[in-house]
Amino acid sequence: MQTCPVCGSETFAFISRWVPAPERRQAPRPPERPERLETVETYRELLSRPKPRSGMTRWLQRGAVGAAAIAAVGWALQRNSGTGSPGNSAAAGETNSPPPPSQS
C-alpha cells in the first residue's frame, strides 16, 4: 500500500493511477478534411441566425406574460388583504370549532 509523502496517510494513491499516460504517436494526426469544416461552419451559421417571429407570436407571448403578471398581482393583493379566502376566518376572530350538538 502507498502512503502520502506529506502526511503519511495510508489512504493515498498517486494521480498516475487514474490518469493515463499520454499516447506517444509515431505520426502526427491527419489534418481535418475541408468538406467537414465547411459543413460545421454552415451549421454554425444556421444556428446563430435569429429566428424570425410573426407578429401574432409576439402578441400571444406578450398577452400570456401580461395575464400572468395581473394574476400574480391579484393573488398577492388578495393574500395581503386577508379577505376573500376561507382560510382567513380565524384571523377575523372566528373559531373553527364544530357547532354544538342539537338536543332533540
PDB file of N, CA and C in Angstrom:
ATOM      1  N   MET A   1       0.849  -1.174   0.000  1.00  0.00           N
ATOM      2  CA  MET A   1       0.000   0.000   0.000  1.00  0.00           C
ATOM      3  C   MET A   1       0.892   1.233   0.000  1.00  0.00           C
ATOM      4  N   GLN A   2       0.446   2.283  -0.710  1.00  0.00           N
ATOM      5  CA  GLN A   2       1.211   3.512  -0.795  1.00  0.00           C
ATOM      6  C   GLN A   2       0.797   4.457   0.322  1.00  0.00           C
ATOM      7  N   THR A   3       1.726   5.263   0.761  1.00  0.00           N
ATOM      8  CA  THR A   3       1.419   6.259   1.773  1.00  0.00           C
ATOM      9  C   THR A   3       1.714   7.639   1.221  1.00  0.00           C
ATOM     10  N   CYS A   4       1.018   8.630   1.759  1.00  0.00           N
ATOM     11  CA  CYS A   4       1.184  10.005   1.324  1.00  0.00           C
ATOM     12  C   CYS A   4       2.570  10.503   1.738  1.00  0.00           C
ATOM     13  N   PRO A   5       3.310  11.124   0.826  1.00  0.00           N
ATOM     14  CA  PRO A   5       4.647  11.598   1.192  1.00  0.00           C
ATOM     15  C   PRO A   5       4.621  12.810   2.131  1.00  0.00           C
ATOM     16  N   VAL A   6       3.471  13.502   2.238  1.00  0.00           N
ATOM     17  CA  VAL A   6       3.397  14.686   3.090  1.00  0.00           C
ATOM     18  C   VAL A   6       2.929  14.334   4.496  1.00  0.00           C
ATOM     19  N   CYS A   7       1.768  13.623   4.590  1.00  0.00           N
ATOM     20  CA  CYS A   7       1.185  13.384   5.914  1.00  0.00           C
ATOM     21  C   CYS A   7       1.296  11.931   6.379  1.00  0.00           C
ATOM     22  N   GLY A   8       1.660  11.020   5.492  1.00  0.00           N
ATOM     23  CA  GLY A   8       1.817   9.624   5.887  1.00  0.00           C
ATOM     24  C   GLY A   8       0.522   8.836   5.894  1.00  0.00           C
ATOM     25  N   SER A   9      -0.549   9.388   5.324  1.00  0.00           N
ATOM     26  CA  SER A   9      -1.835   8.704   5.302  1.00  0.00           C
ATOM     27  C   SER A   9      -1.755   7.458   4.423  1.00  0.00           C
ATOM     28  N   GLU A  10      -2.425   6.399   4.877  1.00  0.00           N
ATOM     29  CA  GLU A  10      -2.414   5.153   4.110  1.00  0.00           C
ATOM     30  C   GLU A  10      -3.508   5.119   3.044  1.00  0.00           C
ATOM     31  N   THR A  11      -4.386   6.114   3.014  1.00  0.00           N
ATOM     32  CA  THR A  11      -5.441   6.164   2.001  1.00  0.00           C
ATOM     33  C   THR A  11      -5.023   7.051   0.837  1.00  0.00           C
ATOM     34  N   PHE A  12      -3.780   7.007   0.496  1.00  0.00           N
ATOM     35  CA  PHE A  12      -3.207   7.840  -0.556  1.00  0.00           C
ATOM     36  C   PHE A  12      -2.956   6.993  -1.795  1.00  0.00           C
ATOM     37  N   ALA A  13      -3.147   7.602  -2.953  1.00  0.00           N
ATOM     38  CA  ALA A  13      -2.797   6.953  -4.213  1.00  0.00           C
ATOM     39  C   ALA A  13      -2.304   8.027  -5.165  1.00  0.00           C
ATOM     40  N   PHE A  14      -1.265   7.729  -5.885  1.00  0.00           N
ATOM     41  CA  PHE A  14      -0.745   8.696  -6.841  1.00  0.00           C
ATOM     42  C   PHE A  14      -1.751   8.919  -7.956  1.00  0.00           C
ATOM     43  N   ILE A  15      -1.797  10.149  -8.477  1.00  0.00           N
ATOM     44  CA  ILE A  15      -2.759  10.502  -9.517  1.00  0.00           C
ATOM     45  C   ILE A  15      -2.500   9.712 -10.798  1.00  0.00           C
ATOM     46  N   SER A  16      -1.297   9.274 -10.990  1.00  0.00           N
ATOM     47  CA  SER A  16      -0.990   8.495 -12.192  1.00  0.00           C
ATOM     48  C   SER A  16      -1.735   7.160 -12.207  1.00  0.00           C
ATOM     49  N   ARG A  17      -2.302   6.797 -11.096  1.00  0.00           N
ATOM     50  CA  ARG A  17      -3.099   5.569 -11.044  1.00  0.00           C
ATOM     51  C   ARG A  17      -4.396   5.711 -11.838  1.00  0.00           C
ATOM     52  N   TRP A  18      -4.998   6.944 -11.851  1.00  0.00           N
ATOM     53  CA  TRP A  18      -6.253   7.173 -12.560  1.00  0.00           C
ATOM     54  C   TRP A  18      -6.072   7.894 -13.892  1.00  0.00           C
ATOM     55  N   VAL A  19      -5.050   8.721 -14.000  1.00  0.00           N
ATOM     56  CA  VAL A  19      -4.825   9.490 -15.218  1.00  0.00           C
ATOM     57  C   VAL A  19      -3.833   8.724 -16.090  1.00  0.00           C
ATOM     58  N   PRO A  20      -4.273   8.279 -17.260  1.00  0.00           N
ATOM     59  CA  PRO A  20      -3.356   7.507 -18.096  1.00  0.00           C
ATOM     60  C   PRO A  20      -2.267   8.398 -18.691  1.00  0.00           C
ATOM     61  N   ALA A  21      -1.164   7.777 -18.998  1.00  0.00           N
ATOM     62  CA  ALA A  21      -0.050   8.494 -19.621  1.00  0.00           C
ATOM     63  C   ALA A  21      -0.447   8.888 -21.041  1.00  0.00           C
ATOM     64  N   PRO A  22       0.056  10.022 -21.532  1.00  0.00           N
ATOM     65  CA  PRO A  22      -0.299  10.442 -22.890  1.00  0.00           C
ATOM     66  C   PRO A  22       0.209   9.449 -23.931  1.00  0.00           C
ATOM     67  N   GLU A  23      -0.546   9.346 -24.996  1.00  0.00           N
ATOM     68  CA  GLU A  23      -0.186   8.416 -26.064  1.00  0.00           C
ATOM     69  C   GLU A  23       0.995   8.982 -26.838  1.00  0.00           C
ATOM     70  N   ARG A  24       1.947   8.155 -27.108  1.00  0.00           N
ATOM     71  CA  ARG A  24       3.126   8.589 -27.842  1.00  0.00           C
ATOM     72  C   ARG A  24       2.985   8.125 -29.285  1.00  0.00           C
ATOM     73  N   ARG A  25       2.489   9.023 -30.118  1.00  0.00           N
ATOM     74  CA  ARG A  25       2.246   8.691 -31.521  1.00  0.00           C
ATOM     75  C   ARG A  25       3.541   8.756 -32.317  1.00  0.00           C
ATOM     76  N   GLN A  26       3.613   7.877 -33.276  1.00  0.00           N
ATOM     77  CA  GLN A  26       4.754   7.899 -34.181  1.00  0.00           C
ATOM     78  C   GLN A  26       4.545   8.936 -35.282  1.00  0.00           C
ATOM     79  N   ALA A  27       3.290   9.104 -35.709  1.00  0.00           N
ATOM     80  CA  ALA A  27       2.970  10.061 -36.771  1.00  0.00           C
ATOM     81  C   ALA A  27       1.951  11.069 -36.238  1.00  0.00           C
ATOM     82  N   PRO A  28       1.988  12.325 -36.688  1.00  0.00           N
ATOM     83  CA  PRO A  28       1.002  13.305 -36.216  1.00  0.00           C
ATOM     84  C   PRO A  28      -0.385  12.982 -36.755  1.00  0.00           C
ATOM     85  N   ARG A  29      -1.371  13.573 -36.119  1.00  0.00           N
ATOM     86  CA  ARG A  29      -2.750  13.368 -36.562  1.00  0.00           C
ATOM     87  C   ARG A  29      -2.942  13.910 -37.965  1.00  0.00           C
ATOM     88  N   PRO A  30      -3.798  13.254 -38.723  1.00  0.00           N
ATOM     89  CA  PRO A  30      -4.084  13.790 -40.062  1.00  0.00           C
ATOM     90  C   PRO A  30      -4.904  15.072 -39.929  1.00  0.00           C
ATOM     91  N   PRO A  31      -4.722  16.022 -40.843  1.00  0.00           N
ATOM     92  CA  PRO A  31      -5.483  17.281 -40.753  1.00  0.00           C
ATOM     93  C   PRO A  31      -6.969  17.040 -41.014  1.00  0.00           C
ATOM     94  N   GLU A  32      -7.796  17.970 -40.510  1.00  0.00           N
ATOM     95  CA  GLU A  32      -9.242  17.877 -40.719  1.00  0.00           C
ATOM     96  C   GLU A  32      -9.560  17.975 -42.199  1.00  0.00           C
ATOM     97  N   ARG A  33     -10.584  17.263 -42.601  1.00  0.00           N
ATOM     98  CA  ARG A  33     -11.000  17.325 -44.004  1.00  0.00           C
ATOM     99  C   ARG A  33     -11.708  18.651 -44.260  1.00  0.00           C
ATOM    100  N   PRO A  34     -11.411  19.311 -45.388  1.00  0.00           N
ATOM    101  CA  PRO A  34     -12.021  20.619 -45.659  1.00  0.00           C
ATOM    102  C   PRO A  34     -13.533  20.569 -45.795  1.00  0.00           C
ATOM    103  N   GLU A  35     -14.099  19.502 -46.377  1.00  0.00           N
ATOM    104  CA  GLU A  35     -15.558  19.463 -46.540  1.00  0.00           C
ATOM    105  C   GLU A  35     -16.253  19.342 -45.189  1.00  0.00           C
ATOM    106  N   ARG A  36     -15.606  18.737 -44.233  1.00  0.00           N
ATOM    107  CA  ARG A  36     -16.198  18.636 -42.902  1.00  0.00           C
ATOM    108  C   ARG A  36     -16.194  20.008 -42.224  1.00  0.00           C
ATOM    109  N   LEU A  37     -15.124  20.753 -42.404  1.00  0.00           N
ATOM    110  CA  LEU A  37     -15.061  22.092 -41.831  1.00  0.00           C
ATOM    111  C   LEU A  37     -16.126  22.995 -42.438  1.00  0.00           C
ATOM    112  N   GLU A  38     -16.371  22.854 -43.729  1.00  0.00           N
ATOM    113  CA  GLU A  38     -17.416  23.652 -44.371  1.00  0.00           C
ATOM    114  C   GLU A  38     -18.789  23.305 -43.808  1.00  0.00           C
ATOM    115  N   THR A  39     -19.025  22.030 -43.569  1.00  0.00           N
ATOM    116  CA  THR A  39     -20.305  21.594 -43.013  1.00  0.00           C
ATOM    117  C   THR A  39     -20.496  22.170 -41.613  1.00  0.00           C
ATOM    118  N   VAL A  40     -19.444  22.120 -40.816  1.00  0.00           N
ATOM    119  CA  VAL A  40     -19.532  22.654 -39.454  1.00  0.00           C
ATOM    120  C   VAL A  40     -19.814  24.146 -39.500  1.00  0.00           C
ATOM    121  N   GLU A  41     -19.139  24.871 -40.359  1.00  0.00           N
ATOM    122  CA  GLU A  41     -19.366  26.309 -40.467  1.00  0.00           C
ATOM    123  C   GLU A  41     -20.781  26.622 -40.943  1.00  0.00           C
ATOM    124  N   THR A  42     -21.308  25.807 -41.852  1.00  0.00           N
ATOM    125  CA  THR A  42     -22.673  26.007 -42.331  1.00  0.00           C
ATOM    126  C   THR A  42     -23.672  25.840 -41.194  1.00  0.00           C
ATOM    127  N   TYR A  43     -23.501  24.801 -40.386  1.00  0.00           N
ATOM    128  CA  TYR A  43     -24.400  24.587 -39.250  1.00  0.00           C
ATOM    129  C   TYR A  43     -24.283  25.724 -38.231  1.00  0.00           C
ATOM    130  N   ARG A  44     -23.072  26.175 -37.973  1.00  0.00           N
ATOM    131  CA  ARG A  44     -22.907  27.285 -37.031  1.00  0.00           C
ATOM    132  C   ARG A  44     -23.618  28.541 -37.523  1.00  0.00           C
ATOM    133  N   GLU A  45     -23.521  28.794 -38.810  1.00  0.00           N
ATOM    134  CA  GLU A  45     -24.185  29.969 -39.367  1.00  0.00           C
ATOM    135  C   GLU A  45     -25.700  29.851 -39.257  1.00  0.00           C
ATOM    136  N   LEU A  46     -26.218  28.658 -39.547  1.00  0.00           N
ATOM    137  CA  LEU A  46     -27.665  28.457 -39.462  1.00  0.00           C
ATOM    138  C   LEU A  46     -28.175  28.587 -38.029  1.00  0.00           C
ATOM    139  N   LEU A  47     -27.391  28.081 -37.083  1.00  0.00           N
ATOM    140  CA  LEU A  47     -27.826  28.128 -35.688  1.00  0.00           C
ATOM    141  C   LEU A  47     -27.666  29.512 -35.074  1.00  0.00           C
ATOM    142  N   SER A  48     -26.772  30.311 -35.591  1.00  0.00           N
ATOM    143  CA  SER A  48     -26.547  31.621 -34.997  1.00  0.00           C
ATOM    144  C   SER A  48     -27.543  32.666 -35.489  1.00  0.00           C
ATOM    145  N   ARG A  49     -28.252  32.404 -36.550  1.00  0.00           N
ATOM    146  CA  ARG A  49     -29.239  33.355 -37.061  1.00  0.00           C
ATOM    147  C   ARG A  49     -30.450  33.401 -36.146  1.00  0.00           C
ATOM    148  N   PRO A  50     -30.947  34.596 -35.849  1.00  0.00           N
ATOM    149  CA  PRO A  50     -32.166  34.668 -35.036  1.00  0.00           C
ATOM    150  C   PRO A  50     -33.368  34.218 -35.867  1.00  0.00           C
ATOM    151  N   LYS A  51     -34.254  33.523 -35.218  1.00  0.00           N
ATOM    152  CA  LYS A  51     -35.446  33.038 -35.915  1.00  0.00           C
ATOM    153  C   LYS A  51     -36.436  34.178 -36.089  1.00  0.00           C
ATOM    154  N   PRO A  52     -36.934  34.375 -37.300  1.00  0.00           N
ATOM    155  CA  PRO A  52     -37.947  35.416 -37.478  1.00  0.00           C
ATOM    156  C   PRO A  52     -39.269  34.967 -36.851  1.00  0.00           C
ATOM    157  N   ARG A  53     -39.876  35.867 -36.076  1.00  0.00           N
ATOM    158  CA  ARG A  53     -41.149  35.530 -35.432  1.00  0.00           C
ATOM    159  C   ARG A  53     -42.243  36.387 -36.037  1.00  0.00           C
ATOM    160  N   SER A  54     -43.378  35.799 -36.139  1.00  0.00           N
ATOM    161  CA  SER A  54     -44.506  36.541 -36.688  1.00  0.00           C
ATOM    162  C   SER A  54     -45.059  37.501 -35.629  1.00  0.00           C
ATOM    163  N   GLY A  55     -45.835  38.467 -36.078  1.00  0.00           N
ATOM    164  CA  GLY A  55     -46.437  39.426 -35.165  1.00  0.00           C
ATOM    165  C   GLY A  55     -47.417  38.765 -34.217  1.00  0.00           C
ATOM    166  N   MET A  56     -48.097  37.734 -34.707  1.00  0.00           N
ATOM    167  CA  MET A  56     -49.074  37.026 -33.874  1.00  0.00           C
ATOM    168  C   MET A  56     -48.372  36.318 -32.711  1.00  0.00           C
ATOM    169  N   THR A  57     -47.227  35.731 -32.970  1.00  0.00           N
ATOM    170  CA  THR A  57     -46.492  35.037 -31.908  1.00  0.00           C
ATOM    171  C   THR A  57     -46.067  36.023 -30.825  1.00  0.00           C
ATOM    172  N   ARG A  58     -45.578  37.183 -31.244  1.00  0.00           N
ATOM    173  CA  ARG A  58     -45.164  38.185 -30.257  1.00  0.00           C
ATOM    174  C   ARG A  58     -46.344  38.662 -29.420  1.00  0.00           C
ATOM    175  N   TRP A  59     -47.489  38.897 -30.040  1.00  0.00           N
ATOM    176  CA  TRP A  59     -48.666  39.362 -29.296  1.00  0.00           C
ATOM    177  C   TRP A  59     -49.170  38.298 -28.328  1.00  0.00           C
ATOM    178  N   LEU A  60     -49.122  37.028 -28.748  1.00  0.00           N
ATOM    179  CA  LEU A  60     -49.550  35.953 -27.848  1.00  0.00           C
ATOM    180  C   LEU A  60     -48.618  35.838 -26.647  1.00  0.00           C
ATOM    181  N   GLN A  61     -47.324  35.961 -26.891  1.00  0.00           N
ATOM    182  CA  GLN A  61     -46.378  35.888 -25.778  1.00  0.00           C
ATOM    183  C   GLN A  61     -46.550  37.062 -24.831  1.00  0.00           C
ATOM    184  N   ARG A  62     -46.726  38.254 -25.389  1.00  0.00           N
ATOM    185  CA  ARG A  62     -46.936  39.422 -24.541  1.00  0.00           C
ATOM    186  C   ARG A  62     -48.227  39.293 -23.740  1.00  0.00           C
ATOM    187  N   GLY A  63     -49.269  38.773 -24.367  1.00  0.00           N
ATOM    188  CA  GLY A  63     -50.539  38.587 -23.665  1.00  0.00           C
ATOM    189  C   GLY A  63     -50.424  37.584 -22.539  1.00  0.00           C
ATOM    190  N   ALA A  64     -49.688  36.500 -22.790  1.00  0.00           N
ATOM    191  CA  ALA A  64     -49.520  35.482 -21.745  1.00  0.00           C
ATOM    192  C   ALA A  64     -48.726  36.044 -20.572  1.00  0.00           C
ATOM    193  N   VAL A  65     -47.685  36.805 -20.857  1.00  0.00           N
ATOM    194  CA  VAL A  65     -46.891  37.407 -19.778  1.00  0.00           C
ATOM    195  C   VAL A  65     -47.734  38.431 -19.020  1.00  0.00           C
ATOM    196  N   GLY A  66     -48.519  39.222 -19.743  1.00  0.00           N
ATOM    197  CA  GLY A  66     -49.368  40.209 -19.091  1.00  0.00           C
ATOM    198  C   GLY A  66     -50.417  39.566 -18.198  1.00  0.00           C
ATOM    199  N   ALA A  67     -51.042  38.499 -18.695  1.00  0.00           N
ATOM    200  CA  ALA A  67     -52.056  37.806 -17.897  1.00  0.00           C
ATOM    201  C   ALA A  67     -51.441  37.187 -16.645  1.00  0.00           C
ATOM    202  N   ALA A  68     -50.255  36.632 -16.784  1.00  0.00           N
ATOM    203  CA  ALA A  68     -49.580  36.048 -15.620  1.00  0.00           C
ATOM    204  C   ALA A  68     -49.223  37.125 -14.608  1.00  0.00           C
ATOM    205  N   ALA A  69     -48.787  38.285 -15.086  1.00  0.00           N
ATOM    206  CA  ALA A  69     -48.439  39.368 -14.172  1.00  0.00           C
ATOM    207  C   ALA A  69     -49.665  39.870 -13.428  1.00  0.00           C
ATOM    208  N   ILE A  70     -50.787  40.040 -14.136  1.00  0.00           N
ATOM    209  CA  ILE A  70     -52.021  40.503 -13.498  1.00  0.00           C
ATOM    210  C   ILE A  70     -52.513  39.486 -12.474  1.00  0.00           C
ATOM    211  N   ALA A  71     -52.436  38.204 -12.813  1.00  0.00           N
ATOM    212  CA  ALA A  71     -52.854  37.159 -11.872  1.00  0.00           C
ATOM    213  C   ALA A  71     -51.972  37.157 -10.631  1.00  0.00           C
ATOM    214  N   ALA A  72     -50.671  37.345 -10.808  1.00  0.00           N
ATOM    215  CA  ALA A  72     -49.761  37.351  -9.663  1.00  0.00           C
ATOM    216  C   ALA A  72     -50.029  38.548  -8.762  1.00  0.00           C
ATOM    217  N   VAL A  73     -50.270  39.714  -9.353  1.00  0.00           N
ATOM    218  CA  VAL A  73     -50.563  40.904  -8.554  1.00  0.00           C
ATOM    219  C   VAL A  73     -51.893  40.722  -7.818  1.00  0.00           C
ATOM    220  N   GLY A  74     -52.897  40.192  -8.495  1.00  0.00           N
ATOM    221  CA  GLY A  74     -54.188  39.950  -7.843  1.00  0.00           C
ATOM    222  C   GLY A  74     -54.075  38.963  -6.703  1.00  0.00           C
ATOM    223  N   TRP A  75     -53.296  37.927  -6.906  1.00  0.00           N
ATOM    224  CA  TRP A  75     -53.106  36.924  -5.859  1.00  0.00           C
ATOM    225  C   TRP A  75     -52.393  37.541  -4.657  1.00  0.00           C
ATOM    226  N   ALA A  76     -51.377  38.355  -4.944  1.00  0.00           N
ATOM    227  CA  ALA A  76     -50.625  38.973  -3.851  1.00  0.00           C
ATOM    228  C   ALA A  76     -51.506  39.953  -3.079  1.00  0.00           C
ATOM    229  N   LEU A  77     -52.313  40.746  -3.779  1.00  0.00           N
ATOM    230  CA  LEU A  77     -53.194  41.697  -3.092  1.00  0.00           C
ATOM    231  C   LEU A  77     -54.251  40.978  -2.268  1.00  0.00           C
ATOM    232  N   GLN A  78     -54.804  39.906  -2.811  1.00  0.00           N
ATOM    233  CA  GLN A  78     -55.827  39.152  -2.084  1.00  0.00           C
ATOM    234  C   GLN A  78     -55.221  38.504  -0.846  1.00  0.00           C
ATOM    235  N   ARG A  79     -54.020  38.000  -0.975  1.00  0.00           N
ATOM    236  CA  ARG A  79     -53.359  37.338   0.144  1.00  0.00           C
ATOM    237  C   ARG A  79     -53.016  38.351   1.245  1.00  0.00           C
ATOM    238  N   ASN A  80     -52.588  39.548   0.846  1.00  0.00           N
ATOM    239  CA  ASN A  80     -52.218  40.563   1.830  1.00  0.00           C
ATOM    240  C   ASN A  80     -53.432  41.172   2.520  1.00  0.00           C
ATOM    241  N   SER A  81     -54.546  41.289   1.797  1.00  0.00           N
ATOM    242  CA  SER A  81     -55.713  41.924   2.408  1.00  0.00           C
ATOM    243  C   SER A  81     -56.413  41.003   3.390  1.00  0.00           C
ATOM    244  N   GLY A  82     -56.292  39.708   3.222  1.00  0.00           N
ATOM    245  CA  GLY A  82     -56.893  38.767   4.152  1.00  0.00           C
ATOM    246  C   GLY A  82     -58.383  38.581   3.943  1.00  0.00           C
ATOM    247  N   THR A  83     -58.931  39.072   2.860  1.00  0.00           N
ATOM    248  CA  THR A  83     -60.352  38.890   2.596  1.00  0.00           C
ATOM    249  C   THR A  83     -60.515  37.992   1.392  1.00  0.00           C
ATOM    250  N   GLY A  84     -61.610  37.334   1.372  1.00  0.00           N
ATOM    251  CA  GLY A  84     -61.951  36.535   0.210  1.00  0.00           C
ATOM    252  C   GLY A  84     -61.472  35.107   0.263  1.00  0.00           C
ATOM    253  N   SER A  85     -60.656  34.758   1.233  1.00  0.00           N
ATOM    254  CA  SER A  85     -60.211  33.371   1.294  1.00  0.00           C
ATOM    255  C   SER A  85     -60.812  32.708   2.527  1.00  0.00           C
ATOM    256  N   PRO A  86     -61.285  31.481   2.387  1.00  0.00           N
ATOM    257  CA  PRO A  86     -61.948  30.826   3.519  1.00  0.00           C
ATOM    258  C   PRO A  86     -61.003  30.500   4.657  1.00  0.00           C
ATOM    259  N   GLY A  87     -59.723  30.394   4.419  1.00  0.00           N
ATOM    260  CA  GLY A  87     -58.789  30.027   5.474  1.00  0.00           C
ATOM    261  C   GLY A  87     -58.502  31.144   6.442  1.00  0.00           C
ATOM    262  N   ASN A  88     -58.912  32.375   6.148  1.00  0.00           N
ATOM    263  CA  ASN A  88     -58.607  33.511   6.999  1.00  0.00           C
ATOM    264  C   ASN A  88     -59.734  33.861   7.962  1.00  0.00           C
ATOM    265  N   SER A  89     -60.719  33.017   8.132  1.00  0.00           N
ATOM    266  CA  SER A  89     -61.825  33.333   9.051  1.00  0.00           C
ATOM    267  C   SER A  89     -61.356  33.320  10.494  1.00  0.00           C
ATOM    268  N   ALA A  90     -60.326  32.568  10.816  1.00  0.00           N
ATOM    269  CA  ALA A  90     -59.807  32.541  12.182  1.00  0.00           C
ATOM    270  C   ALA A  90     -59.127  33.855  12.510  1.00  0.00           C
ATOM    271  N   ALA A  91     -58.598  34.531  11.516  1.00  0.00           N
ATOM    272  CA  ALA A  91     -57.950  35.818  11.749  1.00  0.00           C
ATOM    273  C   ALA A  91     -58.979  36.877  12.114  1.00  0.00           C
ATOM    274  N   ALA A  92     -60.216  36.703  11.690  1.00  0.00           N
ATOM    275  CA  ALA A  92     -61.277  37.666  11.983  1.00  0.00           C
ATOM    276  C   ALA A  92     -61.912  37.419  13.344  1.00  0.00           C
ATOM    277  N   GLY A  93     -61.427  36.476  14.125  1.00  0.00           N
ATOM    278  CA  GLY A  93     -61.957  36.221  15.455  1.00  0.00           C
ATOM    279  C   GLY A  93     -62.866  35.016  15.522  1.00  0.00           C
ATOM    280  N   GLU A  94     -63.135  34.381  14.422  1.00  0.00           N
ATOM    281  CA  GLU A  94     -63.984  33.198  14.429  1.00  0.00           C
ATOM    282  C   GLU A  94     -63.125  31.979  14.719  1.00  0.00           C
ATOM    283  N   THR A  95     -63.734  30.969  15.286  1.00  0.00           N
ATOM    284  CA  THR A  95     -63.018  29.725  15.535  1.00  0.00           C
ATOM    285  C   THR A  95     -63.566  28.655  14.617  1.00  0.00           C
ATOM    286  N   ASN A  96     -62.777  27.675  14.395  1.00  0.00           N
ATOM    287  CA  ASN A  96     -63.181  26.576  13.521  1.00  0.00           C
ATOM    288  C   ASN A  96     -63.699  25.391  14.326  1.00  0.00           C
ATOM    289  N   SER A  97     -64.326  25.647  15.469  1.00  0.00           N
ATOM    290  CA  SER A  97     -64.855  24.546  16.275  1.00  0.00           C
ATOM    291  C   SER A  97     -66.197  24.102  15.687  1.00  0.00           C
ATOM    292  N   PRO A  98     -66.516  22.835  15.832  1.00  0.00           N
ATOM    293  CA  PRO A  98     -67.777  22.356  15.290  1.00  0.00           C
ATOM    294  C   PRO A  98     -68.969  22.940  16.067  1.00  0.00           C
ATOM    295  N   PRO A  99     -70.129  23.012  15.444  1.00  0.00           N
ATOM    296  CA  PRO A  99     -71.304  23.552  16.146  1.00  0.00           C
ATOM    297  C   PRO A  99     -71.728  22.614  17.283  1.00  0.00           C
ATOM    298  N   PRO A 100     -72.383  23.150  18.298  1.00  0.00           N
ATOM    299  CA  PRO A 100     -72.791  22.296  19.420  1.00  0.00           C
ATOM    300  C   PRO A 100     -73.837  21.285  18.932  1.00  0.00           C
ATOM    301  N   PRO A 101     -73.857  20.113  19.538  1.00  0.00           N
ATOM    302  CA  PRO A 101     -74.811  19.094  19.116  1.00  0.00           C
ATOM    303  C   PRO A 101     -76.235  19.533  19.423  1.00  0.00           C
ATOM    304  N   SER A 102     -77.134  19.213  18.547  1.00  0.00           N
ATOM    305  CA  SER A 102     -78.535  19.597  18.755  1.00  0.00           C
ATOM    306  C   SER A 102     -79.192  18.639  19.735  1.00  0.00           C
ATOM    307  N   GLN A 103     -80.045  19.174  20.576  1.00  0.00           N
ATOM    308  CA  GLN A 103     -80.730  18.335  21.537  1.00  0.00           C
ATOM    309  C   GLN A 103     -82.156  18.074  21.039  1.00  0.00           C
ATOM    310  N   SER A 104     -82.458  16.843  20.850  1.00  0.00           N
ATOM    311  CA  SER A 104     -83.780  16.502  20.389  1.00  0.00           C
ATOM    312  C   SER A 104     -84.590  15.809  21.448  1.00  0.00           C
TER     313      SER A 104
END
